[in-house]
Protein backbone atom coordinates (compact mmCIF):
# COMPACT_ATOMS: atom_id res chain seq x y z
CA UNK A 1 65.19 46.21 -56.00
CA UNK A 2 66.36 46.55 -59.58
CA UNK A 3 69.89 45.59 -58.61
CA UNK A 4 68.67 42.40 -56.91
CA UNK A 5 66.10 41.73 -59.67
CA UNK A 6 63.21 41.67 -57.20
CA UNK A 7 59.83 42.41 -58.83
CA UNK A 8 57.78 45.30 -57.50
CA UNK A 9 54.33 43.72 -57.83
CA UNK A 10 54.53 41.28 -54.85
CA UNK A 11 55.71 44.12 -52.60
CA UNK A 12 52.89 46.40 -53.72
CA UNK A 13 50.33 43.60 -53.29
CA UNK A 14 51.66 42.87 -49.81
CA UNK A 15 51.47 46.52 -48.81
CA UNK A 16 47.89 46.83 -50.04
CA UNK A 17 46.47 43.46 -49.02
CA UNK A 18 48.47 42.96 -45.81
CA UNK A 19 46.57 45.44 -43.60
CA UNK A 20 43.23 44.25 -45.00
CA UNK A 21 44.11 40.61 -44.26
CA UNK A 22 45.29 41.46 -40.76
CA UNK A 23 42.11 43.40 -40.01
CA UNK A 24 39.96 40.48 -41.22
CA UNK A 25 42.05 38.01 -39.21
CA UNK A 26 41.44 40.03 -36.04
CA UNK A 27 37.72 40.25 -36.80
CA UNK A 28 37.52 36.49 -37.21
CA UNK A 29 39.41 35.88 -33.99
CA UNK A 30 37.17 38.31 -32.11
CA UNK A 31 34.06 36.56 -33.44
CA UNK A 32 35.43 33.18 -32.37
CA UNK A 33 36.44 34.56 -28.94
CA UNK A 34 40.12 34.04 -29.72
CA UNK A 35 39.93 30.47 -30.98
CA UNK A 36 41.94 29.83 -34.16
CA UNK A 37 39.84 26.71 -34.77
CA UNK A 38 37.34 28.93 -36.60
CA UNK A 39 39.57 28.54 -39.66
CA UNK A 40 39.15 24.76 -39.57
CA UNK A 41 35.36 24.64 -39.12
CA UNK A 42 34.26 25.50 -42.64
CA UNK A 43 35.16 23.17 -45.52
CA UNK A 44 36.21 26.03 -47.82
CA UNK A 45 38.57 27.63 -45.31
CA UNK A 46 40.01 24.23 -44.38
CA UNK A 47 40.57 23.42 -48.07
CA UNK A 48 42.30 26.75 -48.67
CA UNK A 49 44.49 26.25 -45.61
CA UNK A 50 45.52 22.77 -46.76
CA UNK A 51 46.20 24.09 -50.28
CA UNK A 52 48.35 26.90 -48.86
CA UNK A 53 50.35 24.41 -46.78
CA UNK A 54 50.88 22.16 -49.80
CA UNK A 55 52.03 25.09 -51.93
CA UNK A 56 54.34 26.26 -49.16
CA UNK A 57 56.05 22.89 -48.63
CA UNK A 58 56.23 21.75 -52.29
CA UNK A 59 59.56 23.52 -53.03
CA UNK A 60 61.15 21.86 -49.99
CA UNK A 61 59.98 18.41 -51.09
CA UNK A 62 61.23 18.90 -54.64
CA UNK A 63 64.58 20.17 -53.35
CA UNK A 64 64.91 17.16 -51.06
CA UNK A 65 63.89 14.82 -53.90
CA UNK A 66 66.41 16.32 -56.32
CA UNK A 67 69.21 16.10 -53.72
CA UNK A 68 68.37 12.46 -53.04
CA UNK A 69 68.37 11.73 -56.78
CA UNK A 70 71.78 13.42 -57.20
CA UNK A 71 73.19 11.39 -54.30
CA UNK A 72 71.83 8.20 -55.80
CA UNK A 73 73.39 8.99 -59.19
CA UNK A 74 76.69 9.88 -57.51
CA UNK A 75 76.83 6.53 -55.70
CA UNK A 76 76.24 4.48 -58.85
């Protein structure tokens, strides 16, 4: 990890929080009888899901935008 300059903290957080998150996911799915729509029923969970999707796709949009800008400048 040092050679690739990968920080340790995200790996440690993933190892600690991952099993807890998975256990809670299964509990939620059991309570909803297997329906994933339980995560869209409450406003807070829906807001967090939308925020997570926005944060996930933002780097792709900025990359696409910067490539389009470079192409535009190259064609001028």
